[in-house]
């Protein structure tokens, strides 16, 4: 079965196989949430690079967004830059902006240009930081919002 998967699908499978299944359910600081999101995103990009090779790798085909509930109660997603060499905001300014938020997890998006079926080209999934029906609802909504935006573009 592994041989029938595309390089991107193999990387996604390897990535998801290594994730912890138990959710610790502790509130984390903006710095820790951002660190976790960046580390997981980097791991995914490294796996895709490993599977596809330097020549075929495009960093823009993999995206990750930090999902949080702002102090006003609205769920939002901060999409991480594909590279931290030239971030859109200074790291400290971003942490300050996100203070007071509850961090729920990371939503991932992958574009698989080699997928045989058109419906398999875009894949979305979530890595949860906290459990509970409200967290699950917000994560699902943000994932679905990202999927809708992708379909409209």
N, C-alpha and C. Protein backbone atom coordinates (compact mmCIF):
# COMPACT_ATOMS: atom_id res chain seq x y z
N UNK A 1 0.82 -1.19 0.00
CA UNK A 1 0.00 0.00 0.00
C UNK A 1 0.87 1.26 0.00
N UNK A 2 1.95 1.23 0.74
CA UNK A 2 2.86 2.38 0.84
C UNK A 2 3.38 2.79 -0.54
N UNK A 3 3.58 1.83 -1.43
CA UNK A 3 4.12 2.14 -2.75
C UNK A 3 3.10 2.87 -3.63
N UNK A 4 1.81 2.74 -3.33
CA UNK A 4 0.78 3.41 -4.13
C UNK A 4 0.57 4.86 -3.70
N UNK A 5 1.10 5.24 -2.55
CA UNK A 5 0.93 6.61 -2.06
C UNK A 5 1.87 7.57 -2.77
N UNK A 6 1.42 8.81 -2.92
CA UNK A 6 2.31 9.84 -3.46
C UNK A 6 3.32 10.22 -2.39
N UNK A 7 4.35 10.95 -2.77
CA UNK A 7 5.38 11.38 -1.83
C UNK A 7 4.78 12.22 -0.70
N UNK A 8 3.85 13.10 -1.05
CA UNK A 8 3.21 13.97 -0.05
C UNK A 8 2.36 13.12 0.90
N UNK A 9 1.65 12.15 0.38
CA UNK A 9 0.82 11.28 1.23
C UNK A 9 1.70 10.43 2.16
N UNK A 10 2.84 9.96 1.66
CA UNK A 10 3.76 9.20 2.53
C UNK A 10 4.29 10.08 3.65
N UNK A 11 4.63 11.33 3.34
CA UNK A 11 5.13 12.26 4.35
C UNK A 11 4.04 12.53 5.39
N UNK A 12 2.81 12.74 4.94
CA UNK A 12 1.69 13.00 5.86
C UNK A 12 1.45 11.78 6.75
N UNK A 13 1.53 10.60 6.18
CA UNK A 13 1.34 9.38 6.95
C UNK A 13 2.42 9.23 8.02
N UNK A 14 3.67 9.49 7.65
CA UNK A 14 4.77 9.42 8.62
C UNK A 14 4.60 10.48 9.71
N UNK A 15 4.15 11.66 9.33
CA UNK A 15 3.95 12.75 10.30
C UNK A 15 2.87 12.39 11.31
N UNK A 16 1.75 11.93 10.82
CA UNK A 16 0.62 11.63 11.70
C UNK A 16 0.88 10.41 12.57
N UNK A 17 1.70 9.49 12.10
CA UNK A 17 2.02 8.30 12.88
C UNK A 17 2.84 8.64 14.12
N UNK A 18 3.59 9.72 14.07
CA UNK A 18 4.45 10.09 15.18
C UNK A 18 3.84 11.05 16.18
N UNK A 19 2.58 11.44 16.00
CA UNK A 19 1.96 12.40 16.91
C UNK A 19 1.41 11.72 18.14
N UNK A 20 1.49 12.37 19.28
CA UNK A 20 0.92 11.78 20.50
C UNK A 20 -0.61 11.74 20.41
N UNK A 21 -1.19 10.66 20.92
CA UNK A 21 -2.65 10.53 20.86
C UNK A 21 -3.31 11.12 22.10
N UNK A 22 -2.57 11.23 23.20
CA UNK A 22 -3.14 11.78 24.43
C UNK A 22 -2.99 13.30 24.43
N UNK A 23 -4.09 13.99 24.69
CA UNK A 23 -4.09 15.44 24.75
C UNK A 23 -3.91 15.83 26.22
N UNK A 24 -2.92 16.66 26.51
CA UNK A 24 -2.61 17.01 27.90
C UNK A 24 -3.65 17.94 28.52
N UNK A 25 -4.33 18.72 27.71
CA UNK A 25 -5.42 19.58 28.17
C UNK A 25 -4.98 20.64 29.19
N UNK A 26 -3.81 21.20 28.98
CA UNK A 26 -3.34 22.29 29.83
C UNK A 26 -3.25 23.55 29.00
N UNK A 27 -3.59 24.67 29.60
CA UNK A 27 -3.48 25.94 28.90
C UNK A 27 -1.99 26.27 28.71
N UNK A 28 -1.67 26.78 27.55
CA UNK A 28 -0.27 27.10 27.27
C UNK A 28 -0.13 28.58 26.90
N UNK A 29 1.06 29.09 27.08
CA UNK A 29 1.35 30.50 26.79
C UNK A 29 1.41 30.72 25.29
N UNK A 30 1.30 31.98 24.85
CA UNK A 30 1.43 32.26 23.41
C UNK A 30 2.78 31.79 22.86
N UNK A 31 3.85 31.99 23.62
CA UNK A 31 5.18 31.58 23.15
C UNK A 31 5.25 30.07 22.97
N UNK A 32 4.71 29.32 23.93
CA UNK A 32 4.74 27.86 23.85
C UNK A 32 3.86 27.37 22.71
N UNK A 33 2.69 27.97 22.52
CA UNK A 33 1.80 27.58 21.43
C UNK A 33 2.46 27.82 20.08
N UNK A 34 3.07 28.98 19.94
CA UNK A 34 3.75 29.30 18.68
C UNK A 34 4.93 28.36 18.46
N UNK A 35 5.66 28.07 19.52
CA UNK A 35 6.81 27.15 19.41
C UNK A 35 6.34 25.77 18.96
N UNK A 36 5.28 25.26 19.59
CA UNK A 36 4.76 23.94 19.22
C UNK A 36 4.31 23.91 17.77
N UNK A 37 3.58 24.95 17.36
CA UNK A 37 3.08 25.01 15.99
C UNK A 37 4.23 25.04 14.99
N UNK A 38 5.24 25.85 15.27
CA UNK A 38 6.39 25.96 14.36
C UNK A 38 7.17 24.65 14.31
N UNK A 39 7.35 24.00 15.46
CA UNK A 39 8.08 22.73 15.49
C UNK A 39 7.34 21.66 14.69
N UNK A 40 6.04 21.55 14.88
CA UNK A 40 5.26 20.55 14.15
C UNK A 40 5.25 20.85 12.65
N UNK A 41 5.10 22.10 12.31
CA UNK A 41 5.12 22.52 10.90
C UNK A 41 6.47 22.22 10.26
N UNK A 42 7.53 22.48 10.98
CA UNK A 42 8.88 22.19 10.46
C UNK A 42 9.08 20.70 10.26
N UNK A 43 8.58 19.89 11.19
CA UNK A 43 8.69 18.44 11.05
C UNK A 43 7.98 17.97 9.78
N UNK A 44 6.77 18.50 9.56
CA UNK A 44 6.01 18.12 8.37
C UNK A 44 6.74 18.54 7.10
N UNK A 45 7.23 19.77 7.07
CA UNK A 45 7.96 20.23 5.88
C UNK A 45 9.21 19.38 5.64
N UNK A 46 9.92 19.01 6.71
CA UNK A 46 11.12 18.17 6.56
C UNK A 46 10.77 16.80 6.00
N UNK A 47 9.65 16.23 6.44
CA UNK A 47 9.23 14.93 5.92
C UNK A 47 8.86 15.02 4.44
N UNK A 48 8.17 16.09 4.06
CA UNK A 48 7.81 16.26 2.65
C UNK A 48 9.08 16.45 1.82
N UNK A 49 10.01 17.25 2.31
CA UNK A 49 11.29 17.45 1.62
C UNK A 49 12.02 16.12 1.47
N UNK A 50 12.02 15.31 2.52
CA UNK A 50 12.68 14.01 2.50
C UNK A 50 12.04 13.09 1.46
N UNK A 51 10.73 13.10 1.37
CA UNK A 51 10.00 12.23 0.43
C UNK A 51 10.10 12.72 -1.02
N UNK A 52 9.97 14.02 -1.22
CA UNK A 52 9.94 14.57 -2.58
C UNK A 52 11.32 14.87 -3.15
N UNK A 53 12.25 15.22 -2.27
CA UNK A 53 13.56 15.63 -2.74
C UNK A 53 13.60 17.14 -2.94
N UNK A 54 14.80 17.68 -2.90
CA UNK A 54 15.00 19.13 -2.98
C UNK A 54 14.44 19.72 -4.28
N UNK A 55 14.60 19.00 -5.37
CA UNK A 55 14.20 19.51 -6.68
C UNK A 55 12.68 19.72 -6.80
N UNK A 56 11.90 18.80 -6.24
CA UNK A 56 10.44 18.84 -6.39
C UNK A 56 9.73 19.49 -5.21
N UNK A 57 10.46 19.86 -4.17
CA UNK A 57 9.86 20.41 -2.96
C UNK A 57 9.44 21.86 -3.16
N UNK A 58 8.21 22.17 -2.75
CA UNK A 58 7.71 23.55 -2.76
C UNK A 58 7.12 23.82 -1.37
N UNK A 59 7.75 24.70 -0.61
CA UNK A 59 7.31 24.99 0.76
C UNK A 59 5.88 25.52 0.81
N UNK A 60 5.41 26.12 -0.26
CA UNK A 60 4.05 26.69 -0.28
C UNK A 60 2.96 25.62 -0.40
N UNK A 61 3.34 24.37 -0.66
CA UNK A 61 2.35 23.30 -0.78
C UNK A 61 1.90 22.77 0.58
N UNK A 62 2.57 23.18 1.64
CA UNK A 62 2.22 22.76 2.99
C UNK A 62 2.04 24.00 3.85
N UNK A 63 0.91 24.08 4.53
CA UNK A 63 0.60 25.24 5.37
C UNK A 63 0.19 24.77 6.76
N UNK A 64 0.38 25.63 7.74
CA UNK A 64 -0.05 25.34 9.10
C UNK A 64 -0.55 26.62 9.74
N UNK A 65 -1.62 26.50 10.49
CA UNK A 65 -2.20 27.66 11.16
C UNK A 65 -2.46 27.36 12.63
N UNK A 66 -2.07 28.28 13.47
CA UNK A 66 -2.30 28.16 14.91
C UNK A 66 -3.73 28.62 15.20
N UNK A 67 -4.54 27.73 15.76
CA UNK A 67 -5.94 28.04 16.04
C UNK A 67 -6.06 28.44 17.51
N UNK A 68 -6.71 29.57 17.73
CA UNK A 68 -6.87 30.08 19.09
C UNK A 68 -8.21 30.78 19.24
N UNK A 69 -8.63 30.92 20.48
CA UNK A 69 -9.82 31.69 20.79
C UNK A 69 -9.35 32.98 21.44
N UNK A 70 -9.64 34.08 20.78
CA UNK A 70 -9.23 35.40 21.26
C UNK A 70 -10.04 35.78 22.50
N UNK A 71 -9.57 36.78 23.25
CA UNK A 71 -10.32 37.22 24.45
C UNK A 71 -11.78 37.58 24.18
N UNK A 72 -12.10 37.96 22.94
CA UNK A 72 -13.50 38.30 22.62
C UNK A 72 -14.37 37.06 22.38
N UNK A 73 -13.77 35.85 22.46
CA UNK A 73 -14.52 34.61 22.31
C UNK A 73 -14.59 34.07 20.90
N UNK A 74 -13.99 34.77 19.94
CA UNK A 74 -14.02 34.33 18.55
C UNK A 74 -12.80 33.46 18.24
N UNK A 75 -13.04 32.34 17.56
CA UNK A 75 -11.94 31.48 17.12
C UNK A 75 -11.30 32.10 15.89
N UNK A 76 -9.99 32.03 15.84
CA UNK A 76 -9.23 32.59 14.71
C UNK A 76 -8.05 31.67 14.41
N UNK A 77 -7.49 31.84 13.22
CA UNK A 77 -6.31 31.08 12.83
C UNK A 77 -5.22 32.04 12.39
N UNK A 78 -4.03 31.87 12.98
CA UNK A 78 -2.86 32.61 12.52
C UNK A 78 -2.06 31.66 11.65
N UNK A 79 -2.02 31.93 10.34
CA UNK A 79 -1.28 31.07 9.41
C UNK A 79 0.20 31.39 9.51
N UNK A 80 0.97 30.36 9.78
CA UNK A 80 2.41 30.51 9.92
C UNK A 80 3.04 30.80 8.57
N UNK A 81 4.09 31.61 8.56
CA UNK A 81 4.80 31.83 7.29
C UNK A 81 5.51 30.55 6.86
N UNK A 82 5.70 30.36 5.57
CA UNK A 82 6.37 29.15 5.10
C UNK A 82 7.84 29.14 5.49
N UNK A 83 8.39 30.30 5.79
CA UNK A 83 9.78 30.40 6.25
C UNK A 83 9.86 31.49 7.31
N UNK A 84 10.68 31.26 8.33
CA UNK A 84 10.84 32.25 9.39
C UNK A 84 12.04 33.14 9.12
N UNK A 85 12.60 33.06 7.92
CA UNK A 85 13.74 33.93 7.58
C UNK A 85 13.29 35.38 7.48
N UNK A 86 12.11 35.61 6.92
CA UNK A 86 11.53 36.95 6.80
C UNK A 86 10.10 36.93 7.32
N UNK A 87 9.90 36.83 8.64
CA UNK A 87 8.54 36.74 9.16
C UNK A 87 7.75 38.02 8.93
N UNK A 88 6.42 37.90 8.78
CA UNK A 88 5.60 39.09 8.55
C UNK A 88 5.56 40.03 9.74
N UNK A 89 5.75 39.48 10.96
CA UNK A 89 5.75 40.28 12.18
C UNK A 89 6.93 39.83 13.03
N UNK A 90 7.50 40.74 13.80
CA UNK A 90 8.52 40.28 14.75
C UNK A 90 7.91 39.31 15.75
N UNK A 91 8.68 38.34 16.14
CA UNK A 91 8.23 37.28 17.03
C UNK A 91 7.61 37.84 18.32
N UNK A 92 8.26 38.81 18.94
CA UNK A 92 7.78 39.39 20.20
C UNK A 92 6.44 40.10 19.99
N UNK A 93 6.29 40.81 18.89
CA UNK A 93 5.03 41.51 18.60
C UNK A 93 3.88 40.51 18.43
N UNK A 94 4.16 39.39 17.81
CA UNK A 94 3.15 38.36 17.61
C UNK A 94 2.71 37.76 18.94
N UNK A 95 3.67 37.46 19.81
CA UNK A 95 3.35 36.90 21.13
C UNK A 95 2.51 37.89 21.93
N UNK A 96 2.87 39.15 21.88
CA UNK A 96 2.12 40.18 22.59
C UNK A 96 0.69 40.28 22.05
N UNK A 97 0.55 40.23 20.75
CA UNK A 97 -0.76 40.31 20.12
C UNK A 97 -1.66 39.14 20.52
N UNK A 98 -1.08 37.97 20.70
CA UNK A 98 -1.85 36.76 21.02
C UNK A 98 -2.08 36.54 22.51
N UNK A 99 -1.53 37.42 23.35
CA UNK A 99 -1.68 37.21 24.80
C UNK A 99 -3.15 37.30 25.20
N UNK A 100 -3.53 36.47 26.15
CA UNK A 100 -4.92 36.41 26.59
C UNK A 100 -5.77 35.43 25.81
N UNK A 101 -5.19 34.82 24.78
CA UNK A 101 -5.92 33.86 23.96
C UNK A 101 -5.78 32.44 24.52
N UNK A 102 -6.71 31.58 24.17
CA UNK A 102 -6.63 30.17 24.52
C UNK A 102 -6.28 29.42 23.23
N UNK A 103 -5.19 28.67 23.28
CA UNK A 103 -4.67 28.01 22.08
C UNK A 103 -5.20 26.59 22.00
N UNK A 104 -5.86 26.29 20.89
CA UNK A 104 -6.56 25.02 20.73
C UNK A 104 -5.76 23.97 19.97
N UNK A 105 -4.96 24.40 19.00
CA UNK A 105 -4.21 23.44 18.21
C UNK A 105 -3.74 24.04 16.90
N UNK A 106 -3.39 23.15 15.98
CA UNK A 106 -2.86 23.56 14.69
C UNK A 106 -3.69 22.90 13.60
N UNK A 107 -4.06 23.68 12.59
CA UNK A 107 -4.72 23.13 11.41
C UNK A 107 -3.67 23.09 10.30
N UNK A 108 -3.60 21.94 9.63
CA UNK A 108 -2.63 21.74 8.54
C UNK A 108 -3.36 21.65 7.22
N UNK A 109 -2.70 22.12 6.18
CA UNK A 109 -3.21 22.00 4.81
C UNK A 109 -2.05 21.54 3.92
N UNK A 110 -2.33 20.53 3.12
CA UNK A 110 -1.33 20.07 2.17
C UNK A 110 -1.93 20.00 0.78
N UNK A 111 -1.16 20.49 -0.18
CA UNK A 111 -1.52 20.37 -1.58
C UNK A 111 -0.66 19.26 -2.16
N UNK A 112 -1.31 18.24 -2.69
CA UNK A 112 -0.63 17.11 -3.31
C UNK A 112 -0.82 17.20 -4.81
N UNK A 113 0.15 17.75 -5.49
CA UNK A 113 0.05 17.96 -6.94
C UNK A 113 0.05 16.65 -7.72
N UNK A 114 0.52 15.56 -7.10
CA UNK A 114 0.61 14.27 -7.78
C UNK A 114 -0.58 13.36 -7.50
N UNK A 115 -1.56 13.82 -6.74
CA UNK A 115 -2.72 12.99 -6.41
C UNK A 115 -3.52 12.66 -7.67
N UNK A 116 -3.97 11.42 -7.74
CA UNK A 116 -4.69 10.96 -8.93
C UNK A 116 -6.09 11.57 -9.01
N UNK A 117 -6.76 11.69 -7.88
CA UNK A 117 -8.12 12.22 -7.86
C UNK A 117 -8.10 13.69 -7.47
N UNK A 118 -8.91 14.52 -8.13
CA UNK A 118 -8.95 15.95 -7.78
C UNK A 118 -9.34 16.20 -6.32
N UNK A 119 -10.23 15.37 -5.76
CA UNK A 119 -10.64 15.57 -4.37
C UNK A 119 -9.55 15.19 -3.37
N UNK A 120 -8.50 14.54 -3.83
CA UNK A 120 -7.38 14.16 -2.95
C UNK A 120 -6.23 15.16 -2.99
N UNK A 121 -6.35 16.19 -3.83
CA UNK A 121 -5.26 17.15 -3.95
C UNK A 121 -5.08 18.02 -2.71
N UNK A 122 -6.16 18.39 -2.06
CA UNK A 122 -6.09 19.22 -0.86
C UNK A 122 -6.51 18.40 0.35
N UNK A 123 -5.65 18.34 1.34
CA UNK A 123 -5.93 17.59 2.57
C UNK A 123 -5.78 18.52 3.76
N UNK A 124 -6.75 18.47 4.67
CA UNK A 124 -6.75 19.28 5.88
C UNK A 124 -6.88 18.35 7.09
N UNK A 125 -6.15 18.65 8.14
CA UNK A 125 -6.31 17.92 9.39
C UNK A 125 -5.86 18.80 10.55
N UNK A 126 -6.16 18.35 11.77
CA UNK A 126 -5.93 19.16 12.96
C UNK A 126 -5.09 18.39 13.97
N UNK A 127 -4.22 19.10 14.66
CA UNK A 127 -3.48 18.59 15.81
C UNK A 127 -3.97 19.38 17.01
N UNK A 128 -4.63 18.70 17.95
CA UNK A 128 -5.25 19.37 19.10
C UNK A 128 -4.27 19.57 20.25
N UNK A 129 -4.37 20.73 20.91
CA UNK A 129 -3.64 21.00 22.15
C UNK A 129 -4.52 20.74 23.36
N UNK A 130 -5.81 21.09 23.25
CA UNK A 130 -6.76 20.91 24.35
C UNK A 130 -7.97 20.13 23.84
N UNK A 131 -8.60 19.40 24.78
CA UNK A 131 -9.76 18.58 24.43
C UNK A 131 -11.04 19.28 24.89
N UNK A 132 -12.15 18.68 24.55
CA UNK A 132 -13.44 19.19 24.97
C UNK A 132 -14.30 19.54 23.78
N UNK A 133 -15.61 19.52 23.96
CA UNK A 133 -16.51 19.77 22.84
C UNK A 133 -16.37 21.15 22.23
N UNK A 134 -16.14 22.17 23.05
CA UNK A 134 -16.01 23.52 22.50
C UNK A 134 -14.71 23.67 21.70
N UNK A 135 -13.62 23.12 22.21
CA UNK A 135 -12.35 23.17 21.49
C UNK A 135 -12.47 22.41 20.17
N UNK A 136 -13.09 21.23 20.23
CA UNK A 136 -13.28 20.43 19.02
C UNK A 136 -14.12 21.18 17.99
N UNK A 137 -15.17 21.83 18.45
CA UNK A 137 -16.06 22.60 17.56
C UNK A 137 -15.28 23.73 16.87
N UNK A 138 -14.51 24.50 17.66
CA UNK A 138 -13.75 25.61 17.08
C UNK A 138 -12.69 25.11 16.09
N UNK A 139 -12.00 24.04 16.44
CA UNK A 139 -10.98 23.49 15.53
C UNK A 139 -11.61 23.01 14.23
N UNK A 140 -12.73 22.32 14.33
CA UNK A 140 -13.43 21.84 13.14
C UNK A 140 -13.89 23.00 12.27
N UNK A 141 -14.43 24.06 12.91
CA UNK A 141 -14.89 25.22 12.15
C UNK A 141 -13.73 25.91 11.43
N UNK A 142 -12.61 26.07 12.11
CA UNK A 142 -11.45 26.72 11.48
C UNK A 142 -10.89 25.86 10.35
N UNK A 143 -10.88 24.54 10.52
CA UNK A 143 -10.44 23.64 9.45
C UNK A 143 -11.37 23.77 8.25
N UNK A 144 -12.68 23.77 8.51
CA UNK A 144 -13.65 23.87 7.42
C UNK A 144 -13.59 25.24 6.74
N UNK A 145 -13.32 26.28 7.52
CA UNK A 145 -13.16 27.62 6.94
C UNK A 145 -11.96 27.65 6.00
N UNK A 146 -10.86 27.03 6.41
CA UNK A 146 -9.66 26.97 5.56
C UNK A 146 -9.96 26.16 4.29
N UNK A 147 -10.71 25.09 4.44
CA UNK A 147 -11.07 24.26 3.28
C UNK A 147 -11.92 25.06 2.28
N UNK A 148 -12.88 25.83 2.80
CA UNK A 148 -13.74 26.65 1.95
C UNK A 148 -12.94 27.72 1.21
N UNK A 149 -12.05 28.38 1.91
CA UNK A 149 -11.20 29.40 1.28
C UNK A 149 -10.36 28.78 0.17
N UNK A 150 -9.84 27.58 0.43
CA UNK A 150 -9.02 26.88 -0.56
C UNK A 150 -9.85 26.55 -1.80
N UNK A 151 -11.08 26.10 -1.60
CA UNK A 151 -11.95 25.75 -2.71
C UNK A 151 -12.33 26.97 -3.55
N UNK A 152 -12.47 28.13 -2.89
CA UNK A 152 -12.85 29.35 -3.61
C UNK A 152 -11.70 29.92 -4.44
N UNK A 153 -10.49 29.60 -4.06
CA UNK A 153 -9.32 30.13 -4.80
C UNK A 153 -8.93 29.27 -5.93
